[in-house]
Amino acid sequence: MLVSIYEGMFSLQIVEEHIPIFNLIEEVDGGLEEYDMIIENFVERIANYYKYNLRKGKAEILDVWFLI
């Protein structure tokens, strides 16, 4: 999973074998403390969605890379 953090927004991407299979762009309003919690919450939710809905428990997110 690749997490790109921008000013006031972030994006999450899941890539398999150099092919993006999931992309989310989210705008965030609030302070720095909330920003960290929101991103952490989204990473966990999307990782669970990938594991249980897209791959039916047979694959999971192994690495999360952050670009700031």
PDB file of N, CA and C in Angstrom:
ATOM      1  N   MET A   1       0.850  -1.165   0.000  1.00  0.00           N
ATOM      2  CA  MET A   1       0.000   0.000   0.000  1.00  0.00           C
ATOM      3  C   MET A   1       0.899   1.232   0.000  1.00  0.00           C
ATOM      4  N   LEU A   2       0.533   2.189  -0.787  1.00  0.00           N
ATOM      5  CA  LEU A   2       1.248   3.453  -0.886  1.00  0.00           C
ATOM      6  C   LEU A   2       0.342   4.561  -0.371  1.00  0.00           C
ATOM      7  N   VAL A   3       0.820   5.308   0.630  1.00  0.00           N
ATOM      8  CA  VAL A   3       0.070   6.419   1.202  1.00  0.00           C
ATOM      9  C   VAL A   3       0.819   7.700   0.858  1.00  0.00           C
ATOM     10  N   SER A   4       0.183   8.579   0.107  1.00  0.00           N
ATOM     11  CA  SER A   4       0.772   9.870  -0.253  1.00  0.00           C
ATOM     12  C   SER A   4       0.057  10.954   0.541  1.00  0.00           C
ATOM     13  N   ILE A   5       0.833  11.754   1.257  1.00  0.00           N
ATOM     14  CA  ILE A   5       0.265  12.777   2.117  1.00  0.00           C
ATOM     15  C   ILE A   5       0.548  14.151   1.523  1.00  0.00           C
ATOM     16  N   TYR A   6      -0.500  14.913   1.334  1.00  0.00           N
ATOM     17  CA  TYR A   6      -0.418  16.262   0.793  1.00  0.00           C
ATOM     18  C   TYR A   6      -0.995  17.224   1.814  1.00  0.00           C
ATOM     19  N   GLU A   7      -0.937  18.485   1.538  1.00  0.00           N
ATOM     20  CA  GLU A   7      -1.505  19.485   2.428  1.00  0.00           C
ATOM     21  C   GLU A   7      -3.032  19.457   2.319  1.00  0.00           C
ATOM     22  N   GLY A   8      -3.682  18.972   3.369  1.00  0.00           N
ATOM     23  CA  GLY A   8      -5.135  18.940   3.392  1.00  0.00           C
ATOM     24  C   GLY A   8      -5.766  17.727   2.732  1.00  0.00           C
ATOM     25  N   MET A   9      -4.963  16.802   2.229  1.00  0.00           N
ATOM     26  CA  MET A   9      -5.526  15.586   1.626  1.00  0.00           C
ATOM     27  C   MET A   9      -4.482  14.479   1.605  1.00  0.00           C
ATOM     28  N   PHE A  10      -4.944  13.262   1.327  1.00  0.00           N
ATOM     29  CA  PHE A  10      -4.039  12.131   1.187  1.00  0.00           C
ATOM     30  C   PHE A  10      -4.638  11.140   0.191  1.00  0.00           C
ATOM     31  N   SER A  11      -3.795  10.251  -0.313  1.00  0.00           N
ATOM     32  CA  SER A  11      -4.282   9.207  -1.204  1.00  0.00           C
ATOM     33  C   SER A  11      -3.724   7.868  -0.748  1.00  0.00           C
ATOM     34  N   LEU A  12      -4.513   6.834  -0.946  1.00  0.00           N
ATOM     35  CA  LEU A  12      -4.102   5.458  -0.654  1.00  0.00           C
ATOM     36  C   LEU A  12      -4.182   4.669  -1.955  1.00  0.00           C
ATOM     37  N   GLN A  13      -3.145   3.899  -2.233  1.00  0.00           N
ATOM     38  CA  GLN A  13      -3.138   3.050  -3.421  1.00  0.00           C
ATOM     39  C   GLN A  13      -2.671   1.655  -3.032  1.00  0.00           C
ATOM     40  N   ILE A  14      -3.320   0.662  -3.600  1.00  0.00           N
ATOM     41  CA  ILE A  14      -2.863  -0.713  -3.464  1.00  0.00           C
ATOM     42  C   ILE A  14      -2.375  -1.151  -4.829  1.00  0.00           C
ATOM     43  N   VAL A  15      -1.160  -1.688  -4.852  1.00  0.00           N
ATOM     44  CA  VAL A  15      -0.528  -2.087  -6.104  1.00  0.00           C
ATOM     45  C   VAL A  15      -0.166  -3.573  -6.009  1.00  0.00           C
ATOM     46  N   GLU A  16      -0.556  -4.330  -7.021  1.00  0.00           N
ATOM     47  CA  GLU A  16      -0.176  -5.738  -7.127  1.00  0.00           C
ATOM     48  C   GLU A  16       0.584  -5.938  -8.423  1.00  0.00           C
ATOM     49  N   GLU A  17       1.789  -6.479  -8.312  1.00  0.00           N
ATOM     50  CA  GLU A  17       2.610  -6.759  -9.483  1.00  0.00           C
ATOM     51  C   GLU A  17       2.703  -5.550 -10.408  1.00  0.00           C
ATOM     52  N   HIS A  18       2.989  -4.389  -9.830  1.00  0.00           N
ATOM     53  CA  HIS A  18       3.175  -3.123 -10.548  1.00  0.00           C
ATOM     54  C   HIS A  18       1.896  -2.589 -11.205  1.00  0.00           C
ATOM     55  N   ILE A  19       0.742  -3.105 -10.809  1.00  0.00           N
ATOM     56  CA  ILE A  19      -0.534  -2.644 -11.357  1.00  0.00           C
ATOM     57  C   ILE A  19      -1.400  -2.130 -10.208  1.00  0.00           C
ATOM     58  N   PRO A  20      -1.823  -0.856 -10.266  1.00  0.00           N
ATOM     59  CA  PRO A  20      -2.699  -0.346  -9.211  1.00  0.00           C
ATOM     60  C   PRO A  20      -4.086  -0.988  -9.305  1.00  0.00           C
ATOM     61  N   ILE A  21      -4.555  -1.543  -8.188  1.00  0.00           N
ATOM     62  CA  ILE A  21      -5.874  -2.186  -8.177  1.00  0.00           C
ATOM     63  C   ILE A  21      -6.883  -1.426  -7.322  1.00  0.00           C
ATOM     64  N   PHE A  22      -6.393  -0.463  -6.532  1.00  0.00           N
ATOM     65  CA  PHE A  22      -7.283   0.320  -5.684  1.00  0.00           C
ATOM     66  C   PHE A  22      -6.671   1.700  -5.495  1.00  0.00           C
ATOM     67  N   ASN A  23      -7.507   2.737  -5.531  1.00  0.00           N
ATOM     68  CA  ASN A  23      -7.045   4.104  -5.312  1.00  0.00           C
ATOM     69  C   ASN A  23      -8.135   4.889  -4.584  1.00  0.00           C
ATOM     70  N   LEU A  24      -7.723   5.640  -3.573  1.00  0.00           N
ATOM     71  CA  LEU A  24      -8.642   6.471  -2.801  1.00  0.00           C
ATOM     72  C   LEU A  24      -7.974   7.813  -2.564  1.00  0.00           C
ATOM     73  N   ILE A  25      -8.688   8.883  -2.807  1.00  0.00           N
ATOM     74  CA  ILE A  25      -8.212  10.228  -2.503  1.00  0.00           C
ATOM     75  C   ILE A  25      -9.214  10.837  -1.531  1.00  0.00           C
ATOM     76  N   GLU A  26      -8.694  11.355  -0.422  1.00  0.00           N
ATOM     77  CA  GLU A  26      -9.562  11.874   0.632  1.00  0.00           C
ATOM     78  C   GLU A  26      -9.065  13.238   1.081  1.00  0.00           C
ATOM     79  N   GLU A  27      -9.986  14.177   1.230  1.00  0.00           N
ATOM     80  CA  GLU A  27      -9.664  15.502   1.747  1.00  0.00           C
ATOM     81  C   GLU A  27      -9.878  15.494   3.254  1.00  0.00           C
ATOM     82  N   VAL A  28      -8.989  16.165   3.990  1.00  0.00           N
ATOM     83  CA  VAL A  28      -9.054  16.176   5.450  1.00  0.00           C
ATOM     84  C   VAL A  28      -9.108  17.607   5.949  1.00  0.00           C
ATOM     85  N   ASP A  29     -10.096  17.884   6.792  1.00  0.00           N
ATOM     86  CA  ASP A  29     -10.184  19.169   7.479  1.00  0.00           C
ATOM     87  C   ASP A  29      -9.879  18.917   8.946  1.00  0.00           C
ATOM     88  N   GLY A  30      -9.061  19.750   9.532  1.00  0.00           N
ATOM     89  CA  GLY A  30      -8.764  19.598  10.946  1.00  0.00           C
ATOM     90  C   GLY A  30      -7.299  19.796  11.226  1.00  0.00           C
ATOM     91  N   GLY A  31      -6.936  19.584  12.501  1.00  0.00           N
ATOM     92  CA  GLY A  31      -5.571  19.787  12.946  1.00  0.00           C
ATOM     93  C   GLY A  31      -4.673  18.601  12.664  1.00  0.00           C
ATOM     94  N   LEU A  32      -3.405  18.753  13.018  1.00  0.00           N
ATOM     95  CA  LEU A  32      -2.402  17.729  12.770  1.00  0.00           C
ATOM     96  C   LEU A  32      -2.697  16.443  13.547  1.00  0.00           C
ATOM     97  N   GLU A  33      -3.186  16.553  14.767  1.00  0.00           N
ATOM     98  CA  GLU A  33      -3.483  15.373  15.576  1.00  0.00           C
ATOM     99  C   GLU A  33      -4.571  14.529  14.910  1.00  0.00           C
ATOM    100  N   GLU A  34      -5.603  15.200  14.436  1.00  0.00           N
ATOM    101  CA  GLU A  34      -6.700  14.496  13.760  1.00  0.00           C
ATOM    102  C   GLU A  34      -6.223  13.878  12.449  1.00  0.00           C
ATOM    103  N   TYR A  35      -5.349  14.562  11.750  1.00  0.00           N
ATOM    104  CA  TYR A  35      -4.843  14.115  10.454  1.00  0.00           C
ATOM    105  C   TYR A  35      -4.200  12.738  10.585  1.00  0.00           C
ATOM    106  N   ASP A  36      -3.332  12.563  11.601  1.00  0.00           N
ATOM    107  CA  ASP A  36      -2.673  11.276  11.819  1.00  0.00           C
ATOM    108  C   ASP A  36      -3.685  10.167  12.112  1.00  0.00           C
ATOM    109  N   MET A  37      -4.642  10.465  12.984  1.00  0.00           N
ATOM    110  CA  MET A  37      -5.650   9.467  13.344  1.00  0.00           C
ATOM    111  C   MET A  37      -6.514   9.083  12.147  1.00  0.00           C
ATOM    112  N   ILE A  38      -6.886  10.060  11.346  1.00  0.00           N
ATOM    113  CA  ILE A  38      -7.726   9.790  10.177  1.00  0.00           C
ATOM    114  C   ILE A  38      -6.995   8.900   9.185  1.00  0.00           C
ATOM    115  N   ILE A  39      -5.730   9.214   8.906  1.00  0.00           N
ATOM    116  CA  ILE A  39      -4.956   8.398   7.964  1.00  0.00           C
ATOM    117  C   ILE A  39      -4.777   6.987   8.501  1.00  0.00           C
ATOM    118  N   GLU A  40      -4.437   6.853   9.774  1.00  0.00           N
ATOM    119  CA  GLU A  40      -4.271   5.525  10.379  1.00  0.00           C
ATOM    120  C   GLU A  40      -5.557   4.712  10.278  1.00  0.00           C
ATOM    121  N   ASN A  41      -6.693   5.354  10.529  1.00  0.00           N
ATOM    122  CA  ASN A  41      -7.994   4.690  10.449  1.00  0.00           C
ATOM    123  C   ASN A  41      -8.273   4.214   9.018  1.00  0.00           C
ATOM    124  N   PHE A  42      -8.020   5.074   8.033  1.00  0.00           N
ATOM    125  CA  PHE A  42      -8.249   4.700   6.633  1.00  0.00           C
ATOM    126  C   PHE A  42      -7.334   3.557   6.203  1.00  0.00           C
ATOM    127  N   VAL A  43      -6.057   3.597   6.600  1.00  0.00           N
ATOM    128  CA  VAL A  43      -5.121   2.529   6.230  1.00  0.00           C
ATOM    129  C   VAL A  43      -5.627   1.193   6.775  1.00  0.00           C
ATOM    130  N   GLU A  44      -6.047   1.173   8.020  1.00  0.00           N
ATOM    131  CA  GLU A  44      -6.555  -0.059   8.624  1.00  0.00           C
ATOM    132  C   GLU A  44      -7.826  -0.549   7.929  1.00  0.00           C
ATOM    133  N   ARG A  45      -8.755   0.366   7.663  1.00  0.00           N
ATOM    134  CA  ARG A  45     -10.010  -0.017   7.010  1.00  0.00           C
ATOM    135  C   ARG A  45      -9.784  -0.561   5.604  1.00  0.00           C
ATOM    136  N   ILE A  46      -8.925   0.108   4.814  1.00  0.00           N
ATOM    137  CA  ILE A  46      -8.676  -0.326   3.443  1.00  0.00           C
ATOM    138  C   ILE A  46      -7.896  -1.629   3.433  1.00  0.00           C
ATOM    139  N   ALA A  47      -6.958  -1.816   4.367  1.00  0.00           N
ATOM    140  CA  ALA A  47      -6.227  -3.085   4.457  1.00  0.00           C
ATOM    141  C   ALA A  47      -7.179  -4.237   4.755  1.00  0.00           C
ATOM    142  N   ASN A  48      -8.129  -4.014   5.653  1.00  0.00           N
ATOM    143  CA  ASN A  48      -9.133  -5.049   5.952  1.00  0.00           C
ATOM    144  C   ASN A  48     -10.049  -5.291   4.759  1.00  0.00           C
ATOM    145  N   TYR A  49     -10.458  -4.235   4.068  1.00  0.00           N
ATOM    146  CA  TYR A  49     -11.287  -4.376   2.869  1.00  0.00           C
ATOM    147  C   TYR A  49     -10.558  -5.222   1.820  1.00  0.00           C
ATOM    148  N   TYR A  50      -9.288  -4.923   1.607  1.00  0.00           N
ATOM    149  CA  TYR A  50      -8.491  -5.687   0.636  1.00  0.00           C
ATOM    150  C   TYR A  50      -8.424  -7.166   1.033  1.00  0.00           C
ATOM    151  N   LYS A  51      -8.080  -7.405   2.296  1.00  0.00           N
ATOM    152  CA  LYS A  51      -7.884  -8.787   2.757  1.00  0.00           C
ATOM    153  C   LYS A  51      -9.182  -9.601   2.721  1.00  0.00           C
ATOM    154  N   TYR A  52     -10.257  -9.052   3.251  1.00  0.00           N
ATOM    155  CA  TYR A  52     -11.470  -9.844   3.420  1.00  0.00           C
ATOM    156  C   TYR A  52     -12.464  -9.742   2.263  1.00  0.00           C
ATOM    157  N   ASN A  53     -12.540  -8.607   1.578  1.00  0.00           N
ATOM    158  CA  ASN A  53     -13.514  -8.464   0.500  1.00  0.00           C
ATOM    159  C   ASN A  53     -12.921  -8.748  -0.875  1.00  0.00           C
ATOM    160  N   LEU A  54     -11.746  -8.174  -1.143  1.00  0.00           N
ATOM    161  CA  LEU A  54     -11.156  -8.359  -2.469  1.00  0.00           C
ATOM    162  C   LEU A  54     -10.458  -9.710  -2.617  1.00  0.00           C
ATOM    163  N   ARG A  55      -9.797 -10.184  -1.560  1.00  0.00           N
ATOM    164  CA  ARG A  55      -9.005 -11.416  -1.650  1.00  0.00           C
ATOM    165  C   ARG A  55      -9.540 -12.557  -0.796  1.00  0.00           C
ATOM    166  N   LYS A  56     -10.685 -12.391  -0.212  1.00  0.00           N
ATOM    167  CA  LYS A  56     -11.385 -13.424   0.563  1.00  0.00           C
ATOM    168  C   LYS A  56     -10.494 -14.104   1.598  1.00  0.00           C
ATOM    169  N   GLY A  57      -9.615 -13.329   2.245  1.00  0.00           N
ATOM    170  CA  GLY A  57      -8.764 -13.836   3.315  1.00  0.00           C
ATOM    171  C   GLY A  57      -7.511 -14.553   2.841  1.00  0.00           C
ATOM    172  N   LYS A  58      -7.264 -14.610   1.541  1.00  0.00           N
ATOM    173  CA  LYS A  58      -6.117 -15.350   1.008  1.00  0.00           C
ATOM    174  C   LYS A  58      -4.884 -14.478   0.804  1.00  0.00           C
ATOM    175  N   ALA A  59      -5.000 -13.180   0.933  1.00  0.00           N
ATOM    176  CA  ALA A  59      -3.866 -12.260   0.784  1.00  0.00           C
ATOM    177  C   ALA A  59      -4.090 -11.068   1.702  1.00  0.00           C
ATOM    178  N   GLU A  60      -3.000 -10.416   2.072  1.00  0.00           N
ATOM    179  CA  GLU A  60      -3.107  -9.243   2.924  1.00  0.00           C
ATOM    180  C   GLU A  60      -2.038  -8.227   2.542  1.00  0.00           C
ATOM    181  N   ILE A  61      -2.189  -7.015   3.057  1.00  0.00           N
ATOM    182  CA  ILE A  61      -1.220  -5.950   2.819  1.00  0.00           C
ATOM    183  C   ILE A  61       0.027  -6.263   3.650  1.00  0.00           C
ATOM    184  N   LEU A  62       1.175  -6.333   2.990  1.00  0.00           N
ATOM    185  CA  LEU A  62       2.411  -6.646   3.693  1.00  0.00           C
ATOM    186  C   LEU A  62       3.214  -5.409   4.068  1.00  0.00           C
ATOM    187  N   ASP A  63       3.208  -4.392   3.217  1.00  0.00           N
ATOM    188  CA  ASP A  63       3.985  -3.180   3.466  1.00  0.00           C
ATOM    189  C   ASP A  63       3.118  -1.949   3.232  1.00  0.00           C
ATOM    190  N   VAL A  64       3.353  -0.933   4.040  1.00  0.00           N
ATOM    191  CA  VAL A  64       2.717   0.364   3.836  1.00  0.00           C
ATOM    192  C   VAL A  64       3.842   1.389   3.705  1.00  0.00           C
ATOM    193  N   TRP A  65       3.891   2.057   2.565  1.00  0.00           N
ATOM    194  CA  TRP A  65       4.904   3.064   2.286  1.00  0.00           C
ATOM    195  C   TRP A  65       4.259   4.442   2.343  1.00  0.00           C
ATOM    196  N   PHE A  66       4.924   5.381   2.991  1.00  0.00           N
ATOM    197  CA  PHE A  66       4.420   6.738   3.115  1.00  0.00           C
ATOM    198  C   PHE A  66       5.288   7.686   2.294  1.00  0.00           C
ATOM    199  N   LEU A  67       4.643   8.519   1.484  1.00  0.00           N
ATOM    200  CA  LEU A  67       5.310   9.593   0.756  1.00  0.00           C
ATOM    201  C   LEU A  67       4.779  10.912   1.275  1.00  0.00           C
ATOM    202  N   ILE A  68       5.670  11.726   1.746  1.00  0.00           N
ATOM    203  CA  ILE A  68       5.250  13.001   2.323  1.00  0.00           C
ATOM    204  C   ILE A  68       5.794  14.140   1.481  1.00  0.00           C
TER     205      ILE A  68
END
